[in-house]
C-alpha atoms as a PDB file:
ATOM      1  CA  ALA A   1       1.549   0.681  20.951  1.00  0.00           C
ATOM      2  CA  VAL A   2       3.170  -0.249  17.623  1.00  0.00           C
ATOM      3  CA  LYS A   3       6.198   1.879  18.474  1.00  0.00           C
ATOM      4  CA  VAL A   4       6.614   0.330  21.925  1.00  0.00           C
ATOM      5  CA  VAL A   5       6.575  -3.290  20.765  1.00  0.00           C
ATOM      6  CA  THR A   6       8.609  -2.751  17.570  1.00  0.00           C
ATOM      7  CA  ARG A   7      11.365  -0.940  19.431  1.00  0.00           C
ATOM      8  CA  ALA A   8      11.450  -3.623  22.117  1.00  0.00           C
ATOM      9  CA  HIS A   9      11.542  -6.312  19.414  1.00  0.00           C
ATOM     10  CA  GLN A  10      14.390  -4.640  17.540  1.00  0.00           C
ATOM     11  CA  THR A  11      16.343  -4.000  20.749  1.00  0.00           C
ATOM     12  CA  LEU A  12      16.212  -7.707  21.614  1.00  0.00           C
ATOM     13  CA  ILE A  13      17.454  -8.572  18.116  1.00  0.00           C
ATOM     14  CA  TRP A  14      20.374  -6.180  18.573  1.00  0.00           C
ATOM     15  CA  GLU A  15      21.069  -7.770  21.971  1.00  0.00           C
ATOM     16  CA  ARG A  16      21.029 -11.210  20.377  1.00  0.00           C
ATOM     17  CA  THR A  17      23.580 -10.050  17.820  1.00  0.00           C
ATOM     18  CA  ARG A  18      25.869  -8.763  20.597  1.00  0.00           C
ATOM     19  CA  HIS A  19      25.714 -12.074  22.438  1.00  0.00           C
ATOM     20  CA  LEU A  20      26.197 -13.961  19.184  1.00  0.00           C
ATOM     21  CA  LEU A  21      29.461 -12.074  18.597  1.00  0.00           C
ATOM     22  CA  ARG A  22      30.607 -12.879  22.133  1.00  0.00           C
ATOM     23  CA  LEU A  23      29.805 -16.549  21.531  1.00  0.00           C
ATOM     24  CA  ARG A  24      31.726 -16.513  18.267  1.00  0.00           C
ATOM     25  CA  VAL A  25      34.810 -15.019  19.933  1.00  0.00           C
ATOM     26  CA  ALA A  26      34.723 -17.554  22.768  1.00  0.00           C
ATOM     27  CA  LEU A  27      34.397 -20.511  20.398  1.00  0.00           C
ATOM     28  CA  ARG A  28      37.206 -19.203  18.216  1.00  0.00           C
ATOM     29  CA  ASP A  29      39.509 -19.070  21.242  1.00  0.00           C
ATOM     30  CA  TYR A  30      38.954 -22.604  22.564  1.00  0.00           C
ATOM     31  CA  PHE A  31      36.638 -24.598  20.260  1.00  0.00           C
ATOM     32  CA  PRO A  32      37.314 -23.768  16.558  1.00  0.00           C
ATOM     33  CA  ALA A  33      35.682 -27.018  15.417  1.00  0.00           C
ATOM     34  CA  ALA A  34      32.343 -25.721  16.691  1.00  0.00           C
ATOM     35  CA  LEU A  35      32.657 -22.587  14.570  1.00  0.00           C
ATOM     36  CA  GLU A  36      33.436 -24.654  11.495  1.00  0.00           C
ATOM     37  CA  ALA A  37      30.610 -27.100  12.133  1.00  0.00           C
ATOM     38  CA  TYR A  38      27.856 -24.825  13.408  1.00  0.00           C
ATOM     39  CA  THR A  39      28.266 -21.539  11.543  1.00  0.00           C
ATOM     40  CA  PRO A  40      26.477 -22.796   8.371  1.00  0.00           C
ATOM     41  CA  LEU A  41      23.472 -23.694  10.550  1.00  0.00           C
ATOM     42  CA  GLY A  42      23.440 -20.316  12.313  1.00  0.00           C
ATOM     43  CA  LEU A  43      24.979 -19.970  15.765  1.00  0.00           C
ATOM     44  CA  THR A  44      21.699 -18.697  17.235  1.00  0.00           C
ATOM     45  CA  SER A  45      19.567 -21.461  15.720  1.00  0.00           C
ATOM     46  CA  THR A  46      17.825 -23.894  18.058  1.00  0.00           C
ATOM     47  CA  PRO A  47      19.768 -26.998  16.879  1.00  0.00           C
ATOM     48  CA  VAL A  48      23.141 -25.311  17.438  1.00  0.00           C
ATOM     49  CA  LEU A  49      22.199 -23.938  20.864  1.00  0.00           C
ATOM     50  CA  THR A  50      20.912 -27.376  21.835  1.00  0.00           C
ATOM     51  CA  LEU A  51      24.184 -29.068  20.833  1.00  0.00           C
ATOM     52  CA  LEU A  52      26.332 -26.406  22.529  1.00  0.00           C
ATOM     53  CA  ALA A  53      24.347 -26.752  25.743  1.00  0.00           C
ATOM     54  CA  LYS A  54      24.765 -30.535  25.628  1.00  0.00           C
ATOM     55  CA  ALA A  55      28.441 -30.516  24.615  1.00  0.00           C
ATOM     56  CA  PRO A  56      30.236 -27.184  25.238  1.00  0.00           C
ATOM     57  CA  THR A  57      33.772 -28.644  25.131  1.00  0.00           C
ATOM     58  CA  PRO A  58      35.690 -30.257  22.250  1.00  0.00           C
ATOM     59  CA  ASP A  59      35.886 -33.626  24.031  1.00  0.00           C
ATOM     60  CA  MET A  60      32.169 -33.676  24.812  1.00  0.00           C
ATOM     61  CA  ALA A  61      31.312 -32.662  21.249  1.00  0.00           C
ATOM     62  CA  ALA A  62      33.534 -35.381  19.821  1.00  0.00           C
ATOM     63  CA  ALA A  63      31.626 -37.910  21.927  1.00  0.00           C
ATOM     64  CA  LEU A  64      28.231 -36.912  20.500  1.00  0.00           C
ATOM     65  CA  THR A  65      26.527 -39.792  18.754  1.00  0.00           C
ATOM     66  CA  LEU A  66      24.729 -39.578  15.428  1.00  0.00           C
ATOM     67  CA  ARG A  67      21.446 -40.123  17.259  1.00  0.00           C
ATOM     68  CA  GLN A  68      22.066 -37.148  19.527  1.00  0.00           C
ATOM     69  CA  ILE A  69      23.035 -34.891  16.624  1.00  0.00           C
ATOM     70  CA  THR A  70      20.094 -36.097  14.555  1.00  0.00           C
ATOM     71  CA  ALA A  71      17.694 -35.346  17.411  1.00  0.00           C
ATOM     72  CA  ALA A  72      18.950 -31.761  17.552  1.00  0.00           C
ATOM     73  CA  LEU A  73      18.533 -31.366  13.778  1.00  0.00           C
ATOM     74  CA  LYS A  74      14.993 -32.751  13.681  1.00  0.00           C
ATOM     75  CA  SER A  75      13.597 -29.628  11.978  1.00  0.00           C
ATOM     76  CA  ARG A  76      16.193 -29.644   9.183  1.00  0.00           C
ATOM     77  CA  ARG A  77      16.242 -31.275   5.760  1.00  0.00           C
ATOM     78  CA  ASP A  78      18.562 -34.151   4.864  1.00  0.00           C
ATOM     79  CA  ILE A  79      19.199 -34.801   8.542  1.00  0.00           C
ATOM     80  CA  GLU A  80      21.337 -37.923   8.224  1.00  0.00           C
ATOM     81  CA  THR A  81      23.833 -36.356   5.827  1.00  0.00           C
ATOM     82  CA  LYS A  82      24.146 -33.176   7.891  1.00  0.00           C
ATOM     83  CA  ALA A  83      24.507 -35.114  11.134  1.00  0.00           C
ATOM     84  CA  ALA A  84      27.322 -37.222   9.691  1.00  0.00           C
ATOM     85  CA  ALA A  85      29.103 -34.127   8.374  1.00  0.00           C
ATOM     86  CA  LEU A  86      28.822 -32.388  11.754  1.00  0.00           C
ATOM     87  CA  GLN A  87      30.140 -35.416  13.597  1.00  0.00           C
ATOM     88  CA  GLN A  88      33.122 -35.625  11.256  1.00  0.00           C
ATOM     89  CA  VAL A  89      34.061 -31.971  11.819  1.00  0.00           C
ATOM     90  CA  LEU A  90      33.587 -32.179  15.583  1.00  0.00           C
ATOM     91  CA  ARG A  91      35.844 -35.253  15.774  1.00  0.00           C
ATOM     92  CA  ALA A  92      38.632 -33.766  13.648  1.00  0.00           C
ATOM     93  CA  GLU A  93      41.849 -32.623  15.311  1.00  0.00           C
ATOM     94  CA  HIS A  94      42.089 -28.933  16.208  1.00  0.00           C
ATOM     95  CA  LEU A  95      44.350 -26.838  18.386  1.00  0.00           C
ATOM     96  CA  GLY A  96      42.905 -26.547  21.883  1.00  0.00           C
ATOM     97  CA  GLN A  97      43.410 -24.997  25.296  1.00  0.00           C
ATOM     98  CA  PRO A  98      44.548 -26.600  28.568  1.00  0.00           C
ATOM     99  CA  ALA A  99      41.781 -28.388  30.467  1.00  0.00           C
ATOM    100  CA  PRO A 100      41.214 -25.660  33.128  1.00  0.00           C
ATOM    101  CA  VAL A 101      40.940 -22.967  30.437  1.00  0.00           C
ATOM    102  CA  THR A 102      38.593 -25.103  28.366  1.00  0.00           C
ATOM    103  CA  THR A 103      36.394 -25.667  31.432  1.00  0.00           C
ATOM    104  CA  ALA A 104      36.275 -21.929  32.083  1.00  0.00           C
ATOM    105  CA  TYR A 105      35.327 -21.153  28.470  1.00  0.00           C
ATOM    106  CA  ALA A 106      32.668 -23.880  28.567  1.00  0.00           C
ATOM    107  CA  ALA A 107      31.073 -22.194  31.574  1.00  0.00           C
ATOM    108  CA  THR A 108      30.864 -18.877  29.713  1.00  0.00           C
ATOM    109  CA  VAL A 109      29.438 -20.573  26.623  1.00  0.00           C
ATOM    110  CA  ARG A 110      26.734 -22.290  28.688  1.00  0.00           C
ATOM    111  CA  SER A 111      25.706 -18.878  30.006  1.00  0.00           C
ATOM    112  CA  LEU A 112      25.678 -17.353  26.536  1.00  0.00           C
ATOM    113  CA  VAL A 113      23.653 -20.274  25.189  1.00  0.00           C
ATOM    114  CA  ALA A 114      21.091 -19.808  27.979  1.00  0.00           C
ATOM    115  CA  ILE A 115      20.814 -16.071  27.227  1.00  0.00           C
ATOM    116  CA  LEU A 116      20.494 -16.647  23.478  1.00  0.00           C
ATOM    117  CA  THR A 117      17.846 -19.330  24.007  1.00  0.00           C
ATOM    118  CA  THR A 118      15.809 -16.923  26.122  1.00  0.00           C
ATOM    119  CA  LEU A 119      16.277 -14.096  23.622  1.00  0.00           C
ATOM    120  CA  ASN A 120      15.079 -16.335  20.776  1.00  0.00           C
ATOM    121  CA  SER A 121      11.941 -17.147  22.719  1.00  0.00           C
ATOM    122  CA  GLU A 122      11.194 -13.547  23.694  1.00  0.00           C
ATOM    123  CA  ILE A 123      11.881 -12.246  20.180  1.00  0.00           C
ATOM    124  CA  ALA A 124       9.355 -14.740  18.819  1.00  0.00           C
ATOM    125  CA  ASN A 125       6.805 -13.691  21.456  1.00  0.00           C
ATOM    126  CA  LEU A 126       7.278  -9.985  20.732  1.00  0.00           C
ATOM    127  CA  GLU A 127       6.979 -10.596  17.001  1.00  0.00           C
ATOM    128  CA  LYS A 128       3.453 -11.856  17.638  1.00  0.00           C
ATOM    129  CA  ASP A 129       2.679  -8.637  19.519  1.00  0.00           C
ATOM    130  CA  VAL A 130       4.172  -6.553  16.704  1.00  0.00           C
ATOM    131  CA  SER A 131       1.956  -8.348  14.199  1.00  0.00           C
ATOM    132  CA  ALA A 132      -1.148  -7.945  16.354  1.00  0.00           C
ATOM    133  CA  HIS A 133      -0.738  -4.207  17.017  1.00  0.00           C
ATOM    134  CA  PHE A 134       0.382  -3.389  13.479  1.00  0.00           C
ATOM    135  CA  GLY A 135      -2.556  -5.298  12.019  1.00  0.00           C
ATOM    136  CA  GLU A 136      -4.975  -3.036  13.874  1.00  0.00           C
ATOM    137  CA  HIS A 137      -3.556   0.167  12.373  1.00  0.00           C
ATOM    138  CA  PRO A 138      -5.593   1.715   9.516  1.00  0.00           C
ATOM    139  CA  ASP A 139      -2.436   2.313   7.424  1.00  0.00           C
ATOM    140  CA  ALA A 140      -1.134  -1.249   7.767  1.00  0.00           C
ATOM    141  CA  GLU A 141      -2.360  -2.427   4.355  1.00  0.00           C
ATOM    142  CA  ILE A 142      -0.830   0.592   2.620  1.00  0.00           C
ATOM    143  CA  LEU A 143       2.547  -0.131   4.214  1.00  0.00           C
ATOM    144  CA  LEU A 144       2.346  -3.839   3.410  1.00  0.00           C
ATOM    145  CA  SER A 145       1.701  -2.988  -0.250  1.00  0.00           C
ATOM    146  CA  GLN A 146       5.102  -1.269  -0.482  1.00  0.00           C
ATOM    147  CA  PRO A 147       7.950  -3.265  -2.078  1.00  0.00           C
ATOM    148  CA  GLY A 148      10.291  -4.792   0.476  1.00  0.00           C
ATOM    149  CA  LEU A 149       8.006  -4.308   3.495  1.00  0.00           C
ATOM    150  CA  GLY A 150       6.557  -7.163   5.508  1.00  0.00           C
ATOM    151  CA  VAL A 151       4.856  -7.067   8.880  1.00  0.00           C
ATOM    152  CA  VAL A 152       7.967  -6.466  10.996  1.00  0.00           C
ATOM    153  CA  LEU A 153       9.658  -3.924   8.716  1.00  0.00           C
ATOM    154  CA  GLY A 154       6.327  -2.262   7.968  1.00  0.00           C
ATOM    155  CA  ALA A 155       5.659  -1.888  11.686  1.00  0.00           C
ATOM    156  CA  ARG A 156       9.129  -0.390  12.230  1.00  0.00           C
ATOM    157  CA  VAL A 157       8.671   2.133   9.435  1.00  0.00           C
ATOM    158  CA  LEU A 158       5.243   3.129  10.758  1.00  0.00           C
ATOM    159  CA  ALA A 159       6.531   3.392  14.325  1.00  0.00           C
ATOM    160  CA  GLU A 160       9.502   5.600  13.458  1.00  0.00           C
ATOM    161  CA  PHE A 161       7.679   7.874  10.995  1.00  0.00           C
ATOM    162  CA  GLY A 162       4.613   8.175  13.209  1.00  0.00           C
ATOM    163  CA  ASP A 163       1.085   8.587  11.925  1.00  0.00           C
ATOM    164  CA  ALA A 164       0.211  12.160  12.895  1.00  0.00           C
ATOM    165  CA  PRO A 165      -1.671  13.764   9.973  1.00  0.00           C
ATOM    166  CA  GLY A 166       0.227  16.647   8.408  1.00  0.00           C
ATOM    167  CA  ARG A 167       3.475  15.907  10.216  1.00  0.00           C
ATOM    168  CA  TYR A 168       5.302  15.814   6.885  1.00  0.00           C
ATOM    169  CA  THR A 169       4.201  18.641   4.618  1.00  0.00           C
ATOM    170  CA  SER A 170       5.827  17.062   1.561  1.00  0.00           C
ATOM    171  CA  ALA A 171       7.679  13.986   0.367  1.00  0.00           C
ATOM    172  CA  LYS A 172      10.925  15.953   0.734  1.00  0.00           C
ATOM    173  CA  ALA A 173      10.150  16.663   4.388  1.00  0.00           C
ATOM    174  CA  ARG A 174       9.611  12.948   5.016  1.00  0.00           C
ATOM    175  CA  LYS A 175      12.837  12.099   3.161  1.00  0.00           C
ATOM    176  CA  ASN A 176      14.762  14.674   5.187  1.00  0.00           C
ATOM    177  CA  TYR A 177      13.479  13.186   8.448  1.00  0.00           C
ATOM    178  CA  ALA A 178      14.275   9.682   7.207  1.00  0.00           C
ATOM    179  CA  GLY A 179      17.861  10.731   6.508  1.00  0.00           C
ATOM    180  CA  THR A 180      17.766   9.258   3.007  1.00  0.00           C
ATOM    181  CA  SER A 181      17.884  12.567   1.126  1.00  0.00           C
ATOM    182  CA  PRO A 182      21.350  14.068   0.536  1.00  0.00           C
ATOM    183  CA  ILE A 183      22.628  17.384   1.876  1.00  0.00           C
ATOM    184  CA  THR A 184      23.899  19.871  -0.703  1.00  0.00           C
ATOM    185  CA  ARG A 185      26.440  22.472   0.347  1.00  0.00           C
ATOM    186  CA  GLN A 186      27.556  25.163  -2.080  1.00  0.00           C
ATOM    187  CA  SER A 187      30.080  27.955  -1.738  1.00  0.00           C
ATOM    188  CA  GLY A 188      30.884  29.930  -4.853  1.00  0.00           C
ATOM    189  CA  LYS A 189      31.593  27.423  -7.606  1.00  0.00           C
ATOM    190  CA  THR A 190      32.150  24.562  -5.149  1.00  0.00           C
ATOM    191  CA  ARG A 191      29.191  22.222  -4.698  1.00  0.00           C
ATOM    192  CA  VAL A 192      29.308  19.186  -2.418  1.00  0.00           C
ATOM    193  CA  VAL A 193      26.552  16.566  -2.072  1.00  0.00           C
ATOM    194  CA  SER A 194      26.872  14.241   0.919  1.00  0.00           C
ATOM    195  CA  ALA A 195      24.814  11.784   2.944  1.00  0.00           C
ATOM    196  CA  ARG A 196      23.066  12.820   6.157  1.00  0.00           C
ATOM    197  CA  HIS A 197      24.862  11.537   9.258  1.00  0.00           C
ATOM    198  CA  ILE A 198      22.339  12.785  11.834  1.00  0.00           C
ATOM    199  CA  HIS A 199      19.255  10.620  11.632  1.00  0.00           C
ATOM    200  CA  ASN A 200      16.992   8.139  13.385  1.00  0.00           C
ATOM    201  CA  ASP A 201      19.117   4.971  13.460  1.00  0.00           C
ATOM    202  CA  ARG A 202      16.113   2.675  13.803  1.00  0.00           C
ATOM    203  CA  LEU A 203      14.351   4.220  10.814  1.00  0.00           C
ATOM    204  CA  VAL A 204      17.474   4.237   8.637  1.00  0.00           C
ATOM    205  CA  ASP A 205      18.085   0.579   9.477  1.00  0.00           C
ATOM    206  CA  ALA A 206      14.506  -0.351   8.504  1.00  0.00           C
ATOM    207  CA  LEU A 207      14.626   1.606   5.237  1.00  0.00           C
ATOM    208  CA  HIS A 208      17.995   0.101   4.311  1.00  0.00           C
ATOM    209  CA  MET A 209      16.558  -3.386   4.826  1.00  0.00           C
ATOM    210  CA  GLN A 210      13.462  -2.450   2.838  1.00  0.00           C
ATOM    211  CA  ALA A 211      15.598  -1.305  -0.093  1.00  0.00           C
ATOM    212  CA  SER A 212      17.630  -4.543   0.033  1.00  0.00           C
ATOM    213  CA  CYS A 213      14.485  -6.688   0.032  1.00  0.00           C
ATOM    214  CA  ALA A 214      12.766  -4.615  -2.657  1.00  0.00           C
ATOM    215  CA  LEU A 215      15.632  -5.342  -5.080  1.00  0.00           C
ATOM    216  CA  LEU A 216      14.610  -8.993  -5.027  1.00  0.00           C
ATOM    217  CA  HIS A 217      10.871  -8.520  -5.450  1.00  0.00           C
ATOM    218  CA  ASP A 218      10.263  -5.460  -7.631  1.00  0.00           C
ATOM    219  CA  GLU A 219      11.692  -5.219 -11.146  1.00  0.00           C
ATOM    220  CA  GLN A 220      11.433  -1.432 -11.272  1.00  0.00           C
ATOM    221  CA  VAL A 221      13.356  -1.067  -8.024  1.00  0.00           C
ATOM    222  CA  ARG A 222      15.997  -3.425  -9.382  1.00  0.00           C
ATOM    223  CA  ALA A 223      16.224  -1.487 -12.655  1.00  0.00           C
ATOM    224  CA  TYR A 224      16.721   1.776 -10.733  1.00  0.00           C
ATOM    225  CA  TYR A 225      19.437   0.182  -8.582  1.00  0.00           C
ATOM    226  CA  ASP A 226      21.204  -1.242 -11.644  1.00  0.00           C
ATOM    227  CA  GLN A 227      21.098   2.172 -13.303  1.00  0.00           C
ATOM    228  CA  LEU A 228      22.780   3.737 -10.283  1.00  0.00           C
ATOM    229  CA  ARG A 229      25.432   1.036 -10.136  1.00  0.00           C
ATOM    230  CA  ALA A 230      26.148   1.543 -13.853  1.00  0.00           C
ATOM    231  CA  ARG A 231      27.048   5.121 -12.982  1.00  0.00           C
ATOM    232  CA  ASP A 232      29.679   3.824 -10.524  1.00  0.00           C
ATOM    233  CA  VAL A 233      27.560   4.583  -7.454  1.00  0.00           C
ATOM    234  CA  SER A 234      28.618   2.346  -4.566  1.00  0.00           C
ATOM    235  CA  HIS A 235      26.296  -0.386  -3.294  1.00  0.00           C
ATOM    236  CA  ASN A 236      25.385   1.389  -0.047  1.00  0.00           C
ATOM    237  CA  ALA A 237      24.923   4.747  -1.750  1.00  0.00           C
ATOM    238  CA  ALA A 238      22.700   3.111  -4.372  1.00  0.00           C
ATOM    239  CA  LEU A 239      20.608   1.454  -1.651  1.00  0.00           C
ATOM    240  CA  ARG A 240      20.285   4.808   0.081  1.00  0.00           C
ATOM    241  CA  GLN A 241      18.984   6.386  -3.133  1.00  0.00           C
ATOM    242  CA  VAL A 242      16.596   3.480  -3.663  1.00  0.00           C
ATOM    243  CA  GLY A 243      15.390   3.925  -0.092  1.00  0.00           C
ATOM    244  CA  ASN A 244      14.956   7.651  -0.707  1.00  0.00           C
ATOM    245  CA  ARG A 245      12.763   6.951  -3.714  1.00  0.00           C
ATOM    246  CA  LEU A 246      10.715   4.393  -1.764  1.00  0.00           C
ATOM    247  CA  VAL A 247      10.125   6.924   1.021  1.00  0.00           C
ATOM    248  CA  GLY A 248       8.724   9.351  -1.547  1.00  0.00           C
ATOM    249  CA  ILE A 249       6.440   6.640  -2.925  1.00  0.00           C
ATOM    250  CA  LEU A 250       5.254   5.762   0.583  1.00  0.00           C
ATOM    251  CA  HIS A 251       4.497   9.417   1.292  1.00  0.00           C
ATOM    252  CA  GLY A 252       2.330   9.643  -1.810  1.00  0.00           C
ATOM    253  CA  CYS A 253       0.465   6.449  -0.932  1.00  0.00           C
ATOM    254  CA  LEU A 254      -0.213   7.575   2.636  1.00  0.00           C
ATOM    255  CA  LYS A 255      -1.283  11.033   1.480  1.00  0.00           C
ATOM    256  CA  THR A 256      -3.786   9.668  -1.042  1.00  0.00           C
ATOM    257  CA  HIS A 257      -4.695   6.546   0.987  1.00  0.00           C
ATOM    258  CA  THR A 258      -3.853   4.253  -1.931  1.00  0.00           C
ATOM    259  CA  HIS A 259      -1.848   1.058  -2.230  1.00  0.00           C
ATOM    260  CA  TYR A 260       1.457   0.846  -4.072  1.00  0.00           C
ATOM    261  CA  ASP A 261       1.082   0.595  -7.815  1.00  0.00           C
ATOM    262  CA  GLN A 262       4.245  -0.126  -9.757  1.00  0.00           C
ATOM    263  CA  ALA A 263       3.094   1.595 -12.957  1.00  0.00           C
ATOM    264  CA  THR A 264       2.167   4.796 -11.124  1.00  0.00           C
ATOM    265  CA  ALA A 265       5.181   4.856  -8.797  1.00  0.00           C
ATOM    266  CA  TRP A 266       7.719   4.462 -11.593  1.00  0.00           C
ATOM    267  CA  SER A 267       5.863   6.162 -14.460  1.00  0.00           C
ATOM    268  CA  HIS A 268       8.520   8.887 -14.640  1.00  0.00           C
ATOM    269  CA  ARG A 269      11.173   6.252 -15.402  1.00  0.00           C
ATOM    270  CA  GLN A 270       9.072   4.836 -18.216  1.00  0.00           C
ATOM    271  CA  HIS A 271       8.714   8.309 -19.750  1.00  0.00           C
ATOM    272  CA  THR A 272      12.475   8.875 -19.409  1.00  0.00           C
ATOM    273  CA  LEU A 273      13.321   5.558 -21.051  1.00  0.00           C
ATOM    274  CA  ALA A 274      10.818   6.189 -23.836  1.00  0.00           C
ATOM    275  CA  ALA A 275      12.315   9.604 -24.507  1.00  0.00           C
END
């Protein structure tokens, strides 16, 4: 059940991103003021979709009153200042398209706005289902104790790894399945270490996001990342190594049915630094 709802949830997010990119391209071609004004707010946010649905052409947007803009921004801070700034950008002069072309683009944008509005609603609904199903799993608390994992990411990691006992005979086996461990090829005196390119895309995406979030919330994870970067390891490669280490920690926690403990998980680093 966790796997079904998390995959559906993630698929809708990917679909939203695709439609967001289509919206961005359309606005760039006929309504550049909208890109300048709305991008800081997020093109898929409710206020922006509301304003685009109400005024999908440059002329209509320029005619928006402060009251109309303020009403769309009702959930934001410092509404009056932001509304005035938006109105100023929307009323500035920009290159445009002929009226028939603008009308055609406006029709496509209305459709995209309707799709994005529906996707936002369904993503929010599915997130509730993800939370409900994940919360019922006996390993949920162990996953939530891991650095960088919340309900959604934790559910994705659980769904893609599975929970069959004994499926991964060792931490290395779990890392190999995750695609975070490197592949070493050696022939004679030549030795090449490279990243795995065949992997579960959904799991790799979740682990990459976990590593990124863990940098902000766990000092030991950050110290490990900084150490890798000091050795001229690229950002993505360093995140992959951080993710690899976190997979090993997760395996140990699941195997022993214990929550994440920073001192235990990174004790080897403390011994290395002390030495």
